[in-house]
Amino acid sequence: MQNVSNFVIKFRIWDGFHMNYSGMMLPISGIPNKNLVVQQFTGLYDKNGVEIYEGDILEVDMSPERPHIRTVIRDADSYQLRFDAYDSGFLFKKEHAQRFEVLANIFQNEDPTFPPR
C-alpha cells in the first residue's frame, strides 16, 4: 500500500477569465458557472520550484539537440506529456521533473507556437 500522507491535493480553477487558486474546498456543483475547468496539481515542481498542474505547457529538456514543448494531460490515473491531441504522449515521472520548466497554461497562453487547446 502506498503512503499518501505526504501527497498534497490541490486544484486550480479556470473560470474563463482568471486562474483561481484556493486553499478552500468548495463544492463545484454549487457554483453556477458551467465554464469552470478544474485542474489538479500533479504533486511535482519544475526546475524553478513552480507547481505543475494539468493543463500547464512545459519546456521539456530531454534531448541534447533542443528542448520540446509539451502539455500536461491527465489520462485515466496518470499524467502524461503530449505535443497535441494525436500524440500518444509519455508518462510524467517524478525523476524527470527537474528537466521541466512551466512556460504557460493552455488557458492563458498567448503564443500560437505552443500546442493547441
PDB file of N, CA and C in Angstrom:
ATOM      1  N   MET A   1       0.839  -1.182   0.000  1.00  0.00           N
ATOM      2  CA  MET A   1       0.000   0.000   0.000  1.00  0.00           C
ATOM      3  C   MET A   1       0.884   1.245   0.000  1.00  0.00           C
ATOM      4  N   GLN A   2       0.547   2.205  -0.837  1.00  0.00           N
ATOM      5  CA  GLN A   2       1.328   3.426  -0.961  1.00  0.00           C
ATOM      6  C   GLN A   2       0.981   4.404   0.152  1.00  0.00           C
ATOM      7  N   ASN A   3       2.014   5.009   0.735  1.00  0.00           N
ATOM      8  CA  ASN A   3       1.810   6.025   1.758  1.00  0.00           C
ATOM      9  C   ASN A   3       1.535   7.357   1.070  1.00  0.00           C
ATOM     10  N   VAL A   4       0.349   7.887   1.272  1.00  0.00           N
ATOM     11  CA  VAL A   4      -0.018   9.144   0.627  1.00  0.00           C
ATOM     12  C   VAL A   4      -0.042  10.312   1.604  1.00  0.00           C
ATOM     13  N   SER A   5       0.501  10.121   2.796  1.00  0.00           N
ATOM     14  CA  SER A   5       0.432  11.178   3.804  1.00  0.00           C
ATOM     15  C   SER A   5       1.203  12.427   3.399  1.00  0.00           C
ATOM     16  N   ASN A   6       2.203  12.315   2.526  1.00  0.00           N
ATOM     17  CA  ASN A   6       2.973  13.477   2.095  1.00  0.00           C
ATOM     18  C   ASN A   6       2.481  14.063   0.777  1.00  0.00           C
ATOM     19  N   PHE A   7       1.461  13.478   0.189  1.00  0.00           N
ATOM     20  CA  PHE A   7       0.941  13.962  -1.088  1.00  0.00           C
ATOM     21  C   PHE A   7      -0.046  15.096  -0.838  1.00  0.00           C
ATOM     22  N   VAL A   8       0.175  16.221  -1.479  1.00  0.00           N
ATOM     23  CA  VAL A   8      -0.685  17.389  -1.320  1.00  0.00           C
ATOM     24  C   VAL A   8      -1.699  17.405  -2.459  1.00  0.00           C
ATOM     25  N   ILE A   9      -2.964  17.469  -2.106  1.00  0.00           N
ATOM     26  CA  ILE A   9      -4.013  17.533  -3.120  1.00  0.00           C
ATOM     27  C   ILE A   9      -4.437  18.990  -3.254  1.00  0.00           C
ATOM     28  N   LYS A  10      -4.198  19.552  -4.438  1.00  0.00           N
ATOM     29  CA  LYS A  10      -4.527  20.949  -4.719  1.00  0.00           C
ATOM     30  C   LYS A  10      -5.175  21.034  -6.092  1.00  0.00           C
ATOM     31  N   PHE A  11      -5.951  22.085  -6.258  1.00  0.00           N
ATOM     32  CA  PHE A  11      -6.587  22.340  -7.539  1.00  0.00           C
ATOM     33  C   PHE A  11      -6.476  23.819  -7.869  1.00  0.00           C
ATOM     34  N   ARG A  12      -6.598  24.127  -9.143  1.00  0.00           N
ATOM     35  CA  ARG A  12      -6.794  25.499  -9.585  1.00  0.00           C
ATOM     36  C   ARG A  12      -7.988  25.462 -10.534  1.00  0.00           C
ATOM     37  N   ILE A  13      -8.664  26.583 -10.639  1.00  0.00           N
ATOM     38  CA  ILE A  13      -9.888  26.631 -11.444  1.00  0.00           C
ATOM     39  C   ILE A  13      -9.793  27.776 -12.445  1.00  0.00           C
ATOM     40  N   TRP A  14     -10.008  27.458 -13.712  1.00  0.00           N
ATOM     41  CA  TRP A  14     -10.088  28.466 -14.767  1.00  0.00           C
ATOM     42  C   TRP A  14     -11.557  28.807 -14.945  1.00  0.00           C
ATOM     43  N   ASP A  15     -11.914  30.079 -14.778  1.00  0.00           N
ATOM     44  CA  ASP A  15     -13.326  30.473 -14.869  1.00  0.00           C
ATOM     45  C   ASP A  15     -13.677  31.131 -16.201  1.00  0.00           C
ATOM     46  N   GLY A  16     -12.759  31.067 -17.150  1.00  0.00           N
ATOM     47  CA  GLY A  16     -12.983  31.696 -18.438  1.00  0.00           C
ATOM     48  C   GLY A  16     -12.297  33.047 -18.557  1.00  0.00           C
ATOM     49  N   PHE A  17     -11.892  33.592 -17.416  1.00  0.00           N
ATOM     50  CA  PHE A  17     -11.219  34.896 -17.396  1.00  0.00           C
ATOM     51  C   PHE A  17      -9.957  34.891 -16.540  1.00  0.00           C
ATOM     52  N   HIS A  18     -10.012  34.171 -15.415  1.00  0.00           N
ATOM     53  CA  HIS A  18      -8.919  34.181 -14.445  1.00  0.00           C
ATOM     54  C   HIS A  18      -8.604  32.764 -13.979  1.00  0.00           C
ATOM     55  N   MET A  19      -7.365  32.562 -13.558  1.00  0.00           N
ATOM     56  CA  MET A  19      -6.968  31.310 -12.925  1.00  0.00           C
ATOM     57  C   MET A  19      -7.065  31.544 -11.423  1.00  0.00           C
ATOM     58  N   ASN A  20      -7.845  30.727 -10.747  1.00  0.00           N
ATOM     59  CA  ASN A  20      -8.076  30.883  -9.319  1.00  0.00           C
ATOM     60  C   ASN A  20      -7.425  29.751  -8.548  1.00  0.00           C
ATOM     61  N   TYR A  21      -6.635  30.118  -7.567  1.00  0.00           N
ATOM     62  CA  TYR A  21      -6.001  29.154  -6.677  1.00  0.00           C
ATOM     63  C   TYR A  21      -6.619  29.366  -5.306  1.00  0.00           C
ATOM     64  N   SER A  22      -7.020  28.290  -4.674  1.00  0.00           N
ATOM     65  CA  SER A  22      -7.660  28.437  -3.374  1.00  0.00           C
ATOM     66  C   SER A  22      -7.255  27.303  -2.460  1.00  0.00           C
ATOM     67  N   GLY A  23      -7.118  27.610  -1.198  1.00  0.00           N
ATOM     68  CA  GLY A  23      -6.840  26.583  -0.205  1.00  0.00           C
ATOM     69  C   GLY A  23      -8.110  26.011   0.374  1.00  0.00           C
ATOM     70  N   MET A  24      -9.251  26.508  -0.090  1.00  0.00           N
ATOM     71  CA  MET A  24     -10.524  26.050   0.447  1.00  0.00           C
ATOM     72  C   MET A  24     -11.161  25.037  -0.492  1.00  0.00           C
ATOM     73  N   MET A  25     -11.844  24.076   0.093  1.00  0.00           N
ATOM     74  CA  MET A  25     -12.587  23.096  -0.695  1.00  0.00           C
ATOM     75  C   MET A  25     -14.009  23.619  -0.868  1.00  0.00           C
ATOM     76  N   LEU A  26     -14.422  23.797  -2.090  1.00  0.00           N
ATOM     77  CA  LEU A  26     -15.774  24.246  -2.385  1.00  0.00           C
ATOM     78  C   LEU A  26     -16.445  23.231  -3.285  1.00  0.00           C
ATOM     79  N   PRO A  27     -17.718  22.942  -3.053  1.00  0.00           N
ATOM     80  CA  PRO A  27     -18.404  22.018  -3.960  1.00  0.00           C
ATOM     81  C   PRO A  27     -18.612  22.678  -5.319  1.00  0.00           C
ATOM     82  N   ILE A  28     -18.030  22.100  -6.353  1.00  0.00           N
ATOM     83  CA  ILE A  28     -18.143  22.662  -7.701  1.00  0.00           C
ATOM     84  C   ILE A  28     -19.601  22.703  -8.147  1.00  0.00           C
ATOM     85  N   SER A  29     -20.385  21.713  -7.745  1.00  0.00           N
ATOM     86  CA  SER A  29     -21.781  21.656  -8.179  1.00  0.00           C
ATOM     87  C   SER A  29     -22.582  22.852  -7.678  1.00  0.00           C
ATOM     88  N   GLY A  30     -22.120  23.512  -6.621  1.00  0.00           N
ATOM     89  CA  GLY A  30     -22.832  24.658  -6.079  1.00  0.00           C
ATOM     90  C   GLY A  30     -22.462  25.975  -6.730  1.00  0.00           C
ATOM     91  N   ILE A  31     -21.504  25.950  -7.643  1.00  0.00           N
ATOM     92  CA  ILE A  31     -21.077  27.173  -8.320  1.00  0.00           C
ATOM     93  C   ILE A  31     -21.823  27.263  -9.649  1.00  0.00           C
ATOM     94  N   PRO A  32     -22.527  28.372  -9.911  1.00  0.00           N
ATOM     95  CA  PRO A  32     -23.407  28.452 -11.076  1.00  0.00           C
ATOM     96  C   PRO A  32     -22.725  28.565 -12.438  1.00  0.00           C
ATOM     97  N   ASN A  33     -21.432  28.714 -12.506  1.00  0.00           N
ATOM     98  CA  ASN A  33     -20.739  28.896 -13.777  1.00  0.00           C
ATOM     99  C   ASN A  33     -20.419  27.548 -14.414  1.00  0.00           C
ATOM    100  N   LYS A  34     -20.975  27.274 -15.579  1.00  0.00           N
ATOM    101  CA  LYS A  34     -20.754  25.997 -16.257  1.00  0.00           C
ATOM    102  C   LYS A  34     -19.440  25.973 -17.029  1.00  0.00           C
ATOM    103  N   ASN A  35     -18.741  27.099 -17.099  1.00  0.00           N
ATOM    104  CA  ASN A  35     -17.488  27.177 -17.843  1.00  0.00           C
ATOM    105  C   ASN A  35     -16.257  26.918 -16.991  1.00  0.00           C
ATOM    106  N   LEU A  36     -16.434  26.480 -15.762  1.00  0.00           N
ATOM    107  CA  LEU A  36     -15.296  26.235 -14.884  1.00  0.00           C
ATOM    108  C   LEU A  36     -14.531  24.999 -15.330  1.00  0.00           C
ATOM    109  N   VAL A  37     -13.212  25.104 -15.327  1.00  0.00           N
ATOM    110  CA  VAL A  37     -12.351  23.965 -15.630  1.00  0.00           C
ATOM    111  C   VAL A  37     -11.446  23.757 -14.421  1.00  0.00           C
ATOM    112  N   VAL A  38     -11.556  22.586 -13.798  1.00  0.00           N
ATOM    113  CA  VAL A  38     -10.757  22.264 -12.622  1.00  0.00           C
ATOM    114  C   VAL A  38      -9.513  21.512 -13.071  1.00  0.00           C
ATOM    115  N   GLN A  39      -8.356  21.963 -12.593  1.00  0.00           N
ATOM    116  CA  GLN A  39      -7.086  21.325 -12.937  1.00  0.00           C
ATOM    117  C   GLN A  39      -6.392  20.916 -11.645  1.00  0.00           C
ATOM    118  N   GLN A  40      -5.904  19.677 -11.609  1.00  0.00           N
ATOM    119  CA  GLN A  40      -5.282  19.144 -10.400  1.00  0.00           C
ATOM    120  C   GLN A  40      -3.769  19.332 -10.414  1.00  0.00           C
ATOM    121  N   PHE A  41      -3.217  19.627  -9.236  1.00  0.00           N
ATOM    122  CA  PHE A  41      -1.776  19.702  -9.024  1.00  0.00           C
ATOM    123  C   PHE A  41      -1.207  18.297  -9.181  1.00  0.00           C
ATOM    124  N   THR A  42      -0.118  18.163  -9.915  1.00  0.00           N
ATOM    125  CA  THR A  42       0.485  16.846 -10.158  1.00  0.00           C
ATOM    126  C   THR A  42       1.283  16.333  -8.970  1.00  0.00           C
ATOM    127  N   GLY A  43       1.584  17.214  -8.025  1.00  0.00           N
ATOM    128  CA  GLY A  43       2.443  16.833  -6.909  1.00  0.00           C
ATOM    129  C   GLY A  43       3.912  17.077  -7.206  1.00  0.00           C
ATOM    130  N   LEU A  44       4.198  17.597  -8.401  1.00  0.00           N
ATOM    131  CA  LEU A  44       5.581  17.829  -8.818  1.00  0.00           C
ATOM    132  C   LEU A  44       5.843  19.312  -9.047  1.00  0.00           C
ATOM    133  N   TYR A  45       7.120  19.655  -8.996  1.00  0.00           N
ATOM    134  CA  TYR A  45       7.575  21.028  -9.211  1.00  0.00           C
ATOM    135  C   TYR A  45       8.579  21.035 -10.351  1.00  0.00           C
ATOM    136  N   ASP A  46       8.590  22.110 -11.131  1.00  0.00           N
ATOM    137  CA  ASP A  46       9.561  22.205 -12.223  1.00  0.00           C
ATOM    138  C   ASP A  46      10.938  22.585 -11.676  1.00  0.00           C
ATOM    139  N   LYS A  47      11.896  22.797 -12.558  1.00  0.00           N
ATOM    140  CA  LYS A  47      13.271  23.071 -12.135  1.00  0.00           C
ATOM    141  C   LYS A  47      13.416  24.396 -11.393  1.00  0.00           C
ATOM    142  N   ASN A  48      12.394  25.262 -11.472  1.00  0.00           N
ATOM    143  CA  ASN A  48      12.407  26.541 -10.762  1.00  0.00           C
ATOM    144  C   ASN A  48      11.550  26.527  -9.502  1.00  0.00           C
ATOM    145  N   GLY A  49      11.028  25.352  -9.145  1.00  0.00           N
ATOM    146  CA  GLY A  49      10.195  25.241  -7.953  1.00  0.00           C
ATOM    147  C   GLY A  49       8.745  25.621  -8.165  1.00  0.00           C
ATOM    148  N   VAL A  50       8.322  25.775  -9.418  1.00  0.00           N
ATOM    149  CA  VAL A  50       6.935  26.136  -9.745  1.00  0.00           C
ATOM    150  C   VAL A  50       6.071  24.877  -9.743  1.00  0.00           C
ATOM    151  N   GLU A  51       4.907  24.952  -9.096  1.00  0.00           N
ATOM    152  CA  GLU A  51       3.983  23.816  -9.077  1.00  0.00           C
ATOM    153  C   GLU A  51       3.527  23.499 -10.497  1.00  0.00           C
ATOM    154  N   ILE A  52       3.433  22.204 -10.808  1.00  0.00           N
ATOM    155  CA  ILE A  52       2.992  21.771 -12.135  1.00  0.00           C
ATOM    156  C   ILE A  52       1.570  21.220 -12.023  1.00  0.00           C
ATOM    157  N   TYR A  53       0.659  21.809 -12.818  1.00  0.00           N
ATOM    158  CA  TYR A  53      -0.748  21.396 -12.852  1.00  0.00           C
ATOM    159  C   TYR A  53      -1.073  20.811 -14.217  1.00  0.00           C
ATOM    160  N   GLU A  54      -2.141  19.994 -14.258  1.00  0.00           N
ATOM    161  CA  GLU A  54      -2.600  19.547 -15.568  1.00  0.00           C
ATOM    162  C   GLU A  54      -3.011  20.794 -16.351  1.00  0.00           C
ATOM    163  N   GLY A  55      -2.743  20.777 -17.654  1.00  0.00           N
ATOM    164  CA  GLY A  55      -3.019  21.940 -18.486  1.00  0.00           C
ATOM    165  C   GLY A  55      -1.843  22.889 -18.621  1.00  0.00           C
ATOM    166  N   ASP A  56      -0.776  22.653 -17.859  1.00  0.00           N
ATOM    167  CA  ASP A  56       0.411  23.500 -17.993  1.00  0.00           C
ATOM    168  C   ASP A  56       1.167  23.152 -19.266  1.00  0.00           C
ATOM    169  N   ILE A  57       1.792  24.152 -19.843  1.00  0.00           N
ATOM    170  CA  ILE A  57       2.643  23.973 -21.017  1.00  0.00           C
ATOM    171  C   ILE A  57       4.079  24.021 -20.519  1.00  0.00           C
ATOM    172  N   LEU A  58       4.820  22.957 -20.800  1.00  0.00           N
ATOM    173  CA  LEU A  58       6.179  22.819 -20.284  1.00  0.00           C
ATOM    174  C   LEU A  58       7.206  22.806 -21.397  1.00  0.00           C
ATOM    175  N   GLU A  59       8.368  23.343 -21.091  1.00  0.00           N
ATOM    176  CA  GLU A  59       9.539  23.114 -21.920  1.00  0.00           C
ATOM    177  C   GLU A  59      10.215  21.900 -21.307  1.00  0.00           C
ATOM    178  N   VAL A  60      10.403  20.865 -22.113  1.00  0.00           N
ATOM    179  CA  VAL A  60      10.946  19.596 -21.635  1.00  0.00           C
ATOM    180  C   VAL A  60      12.336  19.421 -22.216  1.00  0.00           C
ATOM    181  N   ASP A  61      13.337  19.446 -21.366  1.00  0.00           N
ATOM    182  CA  ASP A  61      14.731  19.325 -21.787  1.00  0.00           C
ATOM    183  C   ASP A  61      15.162  17.863 -21.657  1.00  0.00           C
ATOM    184  N   MET A  62      14.702  17.026 -22.595  1.00  0.00           N
ATOM    185  CA  MET A  62      15.003  15.595 -22.560  1.00  0.00           C
ATOM    186  C   MET A  62      15.959  15.198 -23.675  1.00  0.00           C
ATOM    187  N   SER A  63      16.297  16.137 -24.528  1.00  0.00           N
ATOM    188  CA  SER A  63      17.112  15.841 -25.690  1.00  0.00           C
ATOM    189  C   SER A  63      18.269  16.831 -25.759  1.00  0.00           C
ATOM    190  N   PRO A  64      19.462  16.356 -26.092  1.00  0.00           N
ATOM    191  CA  PRO A  64      20.590  17.284 -26.192  1.00  0.00           C
ATOM    192  C   PRO A  64      20.464  18.253 -27.373  1.00  0.00           C
ATOM    193  N   GLU A  65      19.680  17.892 -28.401  1.00  0.00           N
ATOM    194  CA  GLU A  65      19.539  18.755 -29.577  1.00  0.00           C
ATOM    195  C   GLU A  65      18.759  20.027 -29.256  1.00  0.00           C
ATOM    196  N   ARG A  66      17.566  19.864 -28.715  1.00  0.00           N
ATOM    197  CA  ARG A  66      16.725  21.022 -28.414  1.00  0.00           C
ATOM    198  C   ARG A  66      15.605  20.606 -27.468  1.00  0.00           C
ATOM    199  N   PRO A  67      15.127  21.539 -26.676  1.00  0.00           N
ATOM    200  CA  PRO A  67      14.006  21.218 -25.791  1.00  0.00           C
ATOM    201  C   PRO A  67      12.713  21.067 -26.591  1.00  0.00           C
ATOM    202  N   HIS A  68      11.772  20.357 -26.029  1.00  0.00           N
ATOM    203  CA  HIS A  68      10.469  20.136 -26.646  1.00  0.00           C
ATOM    204  C   HIS A  68       9.408  20.841 -25.811  1.00  0.00           C
ATOM    205  N   ILE A  69       8.337  21.264 -26.459  1.00  0.00           N
ATOM    206  CA  ILE A  69       7.203  21.879 -25.779  1.00  0.00           C
ATOM    207  C   ILE A  69       6.103  20.827 -25.678  1.00  0.00           C
ATOM    208  N   ARG A  70       5.618  20.601 -24.464  1.00  0.00           N
ATOM    209  CA  ARG A  70       4.587  19.599 -24.225  1.00  0.00           C
ATOM    210  C   ARG A  70       3.550  20.149 -23.249  1.00  0.00           C
ATOM    211  N   THR A  71       2.352  19.569 -23.275  1.00  0.00           N
ATOM    212  CA  THR A  71       1.270  19.939 -22.372  1.00  0.00           C
ATOM    213  C   THR A  71       1.011  18.797 -21.400  1.00  0.00           C
ATOM    214  N   VAL A  72       0.756  19.138 -20.129  1.00  0.00           N
ATOM    215  CA  VAL A  72       0.443  18.134 -19.108  1.00  0.00           C
ATOM    216  C   VAL A  72      -1.022  17.743 -19.265  1.00  0.00           C
ATOM    217  N   ILE A  73      -1.264  16.455 -19.476  1.00  0.00           N
ATOM    218  CA  ILE A  73      -2.602  15.901 -19.681  1.00  0.00           C
ATOM    219  C   ILE A  73      -2.848  14.827 -18.628  1.00  0.00           C
ATOM    220  N   ARG A  74      -4.033  14.828 -18.037  1.00  0.00           N
ATOM    221  CA  ARG A  74      -4.395  13.734 -17.137  1.00  0.00           C
ATOM    222  C   ARG A  74      -5.129  12.700 -17.972  1.00  0.00           C
ATOM    223  N   ASP A  75      -4.622  11.473 -17.948  1.00  0.00           N
ATOM    224  CA  ASP A  75      -5.196  10.389 -18.738  1.00  0.00           C
ATOM    225  C   ASP A  75      -5.481   9.221 -17.808  1.00  0.00           C
ATOM    226  N   ALA A  76      -6.737   9.009 -17.489  1.00  0.00           N
ATOM    227  CA  ALA A  76      -7.160   7.961 -16.556  1.00  0.00           C
ATOM    228  C   ALA A  76      -6.519   8.215 -15.196  1.00  0.00           C
ATOM    229  N   ASP A  77      -5.544   7.397 -14.811  1.00  0.00           N
ATOM    230  CA  ASP A  77      -4.959   7.527 -13.474  1.00  0.00           C
ATOM    231  C   ASP A  77      -3.510   7.994 -13.492  1.00  0.00           C
ATOM    232  N   SER A  78      -3.080   8.603 -14.593  1.00  0.00           N
ATOM    233  CA  SER A  78      -1.697   9.087 -14.660  1.00  0.00           C
ATOM    234  C   SER A  78      -1.650  10.426 -15.393  1.00  0.00           C
ATOM    235  N   TYR A  79      -0.507  11.085 -15.290  1.00  0.00           N
ATOM    236  CA  TYR A  79      -0.272  12.313 -16.042  1.00  0.00           C
ATOM    237  C   TYR A  79       0.662  11.991 -17.184  1.00  0.00           C
ATOM    238  N   GLN A  80       0.427  12.615 -18.330  1.00  0.00           N
ATOM    239  CA  GLN A  80       1.282  12.420 -19.490  1.00  0.00           C
ATOM    240  C   GLN A  80       1.657  13.775 -20.063  1.00  0.00           C
ATOM    241  N   LEU A  81       2.737  13.787 -20.823  1.00  0.00           N
ATOM    242  CA  LEU A  81       3.144  14.976 -21.558  1.00  0.00           C
ATOM    243  C   LEU A  81       2.886  14.700 -23.024  1.00  0.00           C
ATOM    244  N   ARG A  82       2.135  15.582 -23.671  1.00  0.00           N
ATOM    245  CA  ARG A  82       1.791  15.383 -25.081  1.00  0.00           C
ATOM    246  C   ARG A  82       2.064  16.649 -25.878  1.00  0.00           C
ATOM    247  N   PHE A  83       2.387  16.441 -27.153  1.00  0.00           N
ATOM    248  CA  PHE A  83       2.578  17.574 -28.062  1.00  0.00           C
ATOM    249  C   PHE A  83       1.230  18.113 -28.520  1.00  0.00           C
ATOM    250  N   ASP A  84       0.310  17.217 -28.873  1.00  0.00           N
ATOM    251  CA  ASP A  84      -1.030  17.608 -29.295  1.00  0.00           C
ATOM    252  C   ASP A  84      -1.979  16.452 -29.023  1.00  0.00           C
ATOM    253  N   ALA A  85      -3.223  16.588 -29.437  1.00  0.00           N
ATOM    254  CA  ALA A  85      -4.240  15.578 -29.147  1.00  0.00           C
ATOM    255  C   ALA A  85      -3.961  14.238 -29.809  1.00  0.00           C
ATOM    256  N   TYR A  86      -3.152  14.225 -30.860  1.00  0.00           N
ATOM    257  CA  TYR A  86      -2.875  12.984 -31.583  1.00  0.00           C
ATOM    258  C   TYR A  86      -1.617  12.281 -31.083  1.00  0.00           C
ATOM    259  N   ASP A  87      -0.858  12.950 -30.266  1.00  0.00           N
ATOM    260  CA  ASP A  87       0.373  12.394 -29.704  1.00  0.00           C
ATOM    261  C   ASP A  87       0.004  11.416 -28.595  1.00  0.00           C
ATOM    262  N   SER A  88       0.610  10.234 -28.591  1.00  0.00           N
ATOM    263  CA  SER A  88       0.325   9.258 -27.540  1.00  0.00           C
ATOM    264  C   SER A  88       0.956   9.668 -26.221  1.00  0.00           C
ATOM    265  N   GLY A  89       1.913  10.585 -26.258  1.00  0.00           N
ATOM    266  CA  GLY A  89       2.497  11.126 -25.041  1.00  0.00           C
ATOM    267  C   GLY A  89       3.461  10.184 -24.363  1.00  0.00           C
ATOM    268  N   PHE A  90       4.015  10.653 -23.260  1.00  0.00           N
ATOM    269  CA  PHE A  90       4.828   9.781 -22.422  1.00  0.00           C
ATOM    270  C   PHE A  90       4.522  10.098 -20.975  1.00  0.00           C
ATOM    271  N   LEU A  91       4.741   9.102 -20.121  1.00  0.00           N
ATOM    272  CA  LEU A  91       4.383   9.247 -18.715  1.00  0.00           C
ATOM    273  C   LEU A  91       5.180  10.354 -18.053  1.00  0.00           C
ATOM    274  N   PHE A  92       4.533  11.013 -17.172  1.00  0.00           N
ATOM    275  CA  PHE A  92       5.064  12.132 -16.417  1.00  0.00           C
ATOM    276  C   PHE A  92       5.677  11.551 -15.150  1.00  0.00           C
ATOM    277  N   LYS A  93       6.985  11.500 -15.059  1.00  0.00           N
ATOM    278  CA  LYS A  93       7.645  10.855 -13.923  1.00  0.00           C
ATOM    279  C   LYS A  93       8.374  11.870 -13.051  1.00  0.00           C
ATOM    280  N   LYS A  94       8.360  11.601 -11.761  1.00  0.00           N
ATOM    281  CA  LYS A  94       8.989  12.494 -10.790  1.00  0.00           C
ATOM    282  C   LYS A  94      10.469  12.712 -11.083  1.00  0.00           C
ATOM    283  N   GLU A  95      11.160  11.665 -11.497  1.00  0.00           N
ATOM    284  CA  GLU A  95      12.602  11.790 -11.732  1.00  0.00           C
ATOM    285  C   GLU A  95      12.940  12.692 -12.922  1.00  0.00           C
ATOM    286  N   HIS A  96      11.961  13.007 -13.756  1.00  0.00           N
ATOM    287  CA  HIS A  96      12.197  13.891 -14.900  1.00  0.00           C
ATOM    288  C   HIS A  96      11.842  15.351 -14.617  1.00  0.00           C
ATOM    289  N   ALA A  97      11.174  15.623 -13.506  1.00  0.00           N
ATOM    290  CA  ALA A  97      10.626  16.960 -13.238  1.00  0.00           C
ATOM    291  C   ALA A  97      11.683  18.059 -13.245  1.00  0.00           C
ATOM    292  N   GLN A  98      12.910  17.750 -12.877  1.00  0.00           N
ATOM    293  CA  GLN A  98      13.956  18.779 -12.868  1.00  0.00           C
ATOM    294  C   GLN A  98      14.384  19.186 -14.278  1.00  0.00           C
ATOM    295  N   ARG A  99      13.868  18.494 -15.278  1.00  0.00           N
ATOM    296  CA  ARG A  99      14.134  18.860 -16.676  1.00  0.00           C
ATOM    297  C   ARG A  99      12.975  19.645 -17.283  1.00  0.00           C
ATOM    298  N   PHE A 100      11.953  19.930 -16.487  1.00  0.00           N
ATOM    299  CA  PHE A 100      10.765  20.636 -16.955  1.00  0.00           C
ATOM    300  C   PHE A 100      10.800  22.088 -16.500  1.00  0.00           C
ATOM    301  N   GLU A 101      10.217  22.957 -17.336  1.00  0.00           N
ATOM    302  CA  GLU A 101      10.006  24.343 -16.939  1.00  0.00           C
ATOM    303  C   GLU A 101       8.608  24.752 -17.383  1.00  0.00           C
ATOM    304  N   VAL A 102       7.794  25.234 -16.437  1.00  0.00           N
ATOM    305  CA  VAL A 102       6.453  25.711 -16.763  1.00  0.00           C
ATOM    306  C   VAL A 102       6.585  27.025 -17.523  1.00  0.00           C
ATOM    307  N   LEU A 103       6.011  27.065 -18.733  1.00  0.00           N
ATOM    308  CA  LEU A 103       6.048  28.269 -19.566  1.00  0.00           C
ATOM    309  C   LEU A 103       4.738  29.039 -19.518  1.00  0.00           C
ATOM    310  N   ALA A 104       3.632  28.303 -19.471  1.00  0.00           N
ATOM    311  CA  ALA A 104       2.299  28.910 -19.518  1.00  0.00           C
ATOM    312  C   ALA A 104       1.296  27.812 -19.187  1.00  0.00           C
ATOM    313  N   ASN A 105       0.018  28.090 -19.402  1.00  0.00           N
ATOM    314  CA  ASN A 105      -1.009  27.050 -19.328  1.00  0.00           C
ATOM    315  C   ASN A 105      -1.915  27.220 -20.535  1.00  0.00           C
ATOM    316  N   ILE A 106      -2.704  26.209 -20.813  1.00  0.00           N
ATOM    317  CA  ILE A 106      -3.484  26.202 -22.057  1.00  0.00           C
ATOM    318  C   ILE A 106      -4.545  27.294 -22.121  1.00  0.00           C
ATOM    319  N   PHE A 107      -4.901  27.890 -20.993  1.00  0.00           N
ATOM    320  CA  PHE A 107      -5.941  28.910 -20.983  1.00  0.00           C
ATOM    321  C   PHE A 107      -5.389  30.328 -21.051  1.00  0.00           C
ATOM    322  N   GLN A 108      -4.188  30.539 -20.571  1.00  0.00           N
ATOM    323  CA  GLN A 108      -3.603  31.876 -20.550  1.00  0.00           C
ATOM    324  C   GLN A 108      -2.406  31.963 -21.489  1.00  0.00           C
ATOM    325  N   ASN A 109      -2.415  31.154 -22.520  1.00  0.00           N
ATOM    326  CA  ASN A 109      -1.327  31.090 -23.487  1.00  0.00           C
ATOM    327  C   ASN A 109      -1.621  32.037 -24.643  1.00  0.00           C
ATOM    328  N   GLU A 110      -0.725  32.965 -24.890  1.00  0.00           N
ATOM    329  CA  GLU A 110      -0.922  33.903 -25.998  1.00  0.00           C
ATOM    330  C   GLU A 110       0.028  33.629 -27.151  1.00  0.00           C
ATOM    331  N   ASP A 111       0.833  32.585 -27.042  1.00  0.00           N
ATOM    332  CA  ASP A 111       1.813  32.268 -28.082  1.00  0.00           C
ATOM    333  C   ASP A 111       1.261  31.149 -28.966  1.00  0.00           C
ATOM    334  N   PRO A 112       0.942  31.425 -30.231  1.00  0.00           N
ATOM    335  CA  PRO A 112       0.345  30.409 -31.106  1.00  0.00           C
ATOM    336  C   PRO A 112       1.293  29.266 -31.473  1.00  0.00           C
ATOM    337  N   THR A 113       2.578  29.382 -31.134  1.00  0.00           N
ATOM    338  CA  THR A 113       3.504  28.285 -31.434  1.00  0.00           C
ATOM    339  C   THR A 113       3.421  27.179 -30.396  1.00  0.00           C
ATOM    340  N   PHE A 114       2.750  27.456 -29.262  1.00  0.00           N
ATOM    341  CA  PHE A 114       2.563  26.420 -28.252  1.00  0.00           C
ATOM    342  C   PHE A 114       1.474  25.469 -28.722  1.00  0.00           C
ATOM    343  N   PRO A 115       1.403  24.282 -28.130  1.00  0.00           N
ATOM    344  CA  PRO A 115       0.381  23.310 -28.546  1.00  0.00           C
ATOM    345  C   PRO A 115      -1.027  23.883 -28.438  1.00  0.00           C
ATOM    346  N   PRO A 116      -1.912  23.476 -29.339  1.00  0.00           N
ATOM    347  CA  PRO A 116      -3.295  23.964 -29.302  1.00  0.00           C
ATOM    348  C   PRO A 116      -4.063  23.379 -28.132  1.00  0.00           C
ATOM    349  N   ARG A 117      -5.163  24.014 -27.792  1.00  0.00           N
ATOM    350  CA  ARG A 117      -6.028  23.518 -26.709  1.00  0.00           C
ATOM    351  C   ARG A 117      -6.746  22.271 -27.128  1.00  0.00           C
TER     352      ARG A 117
END
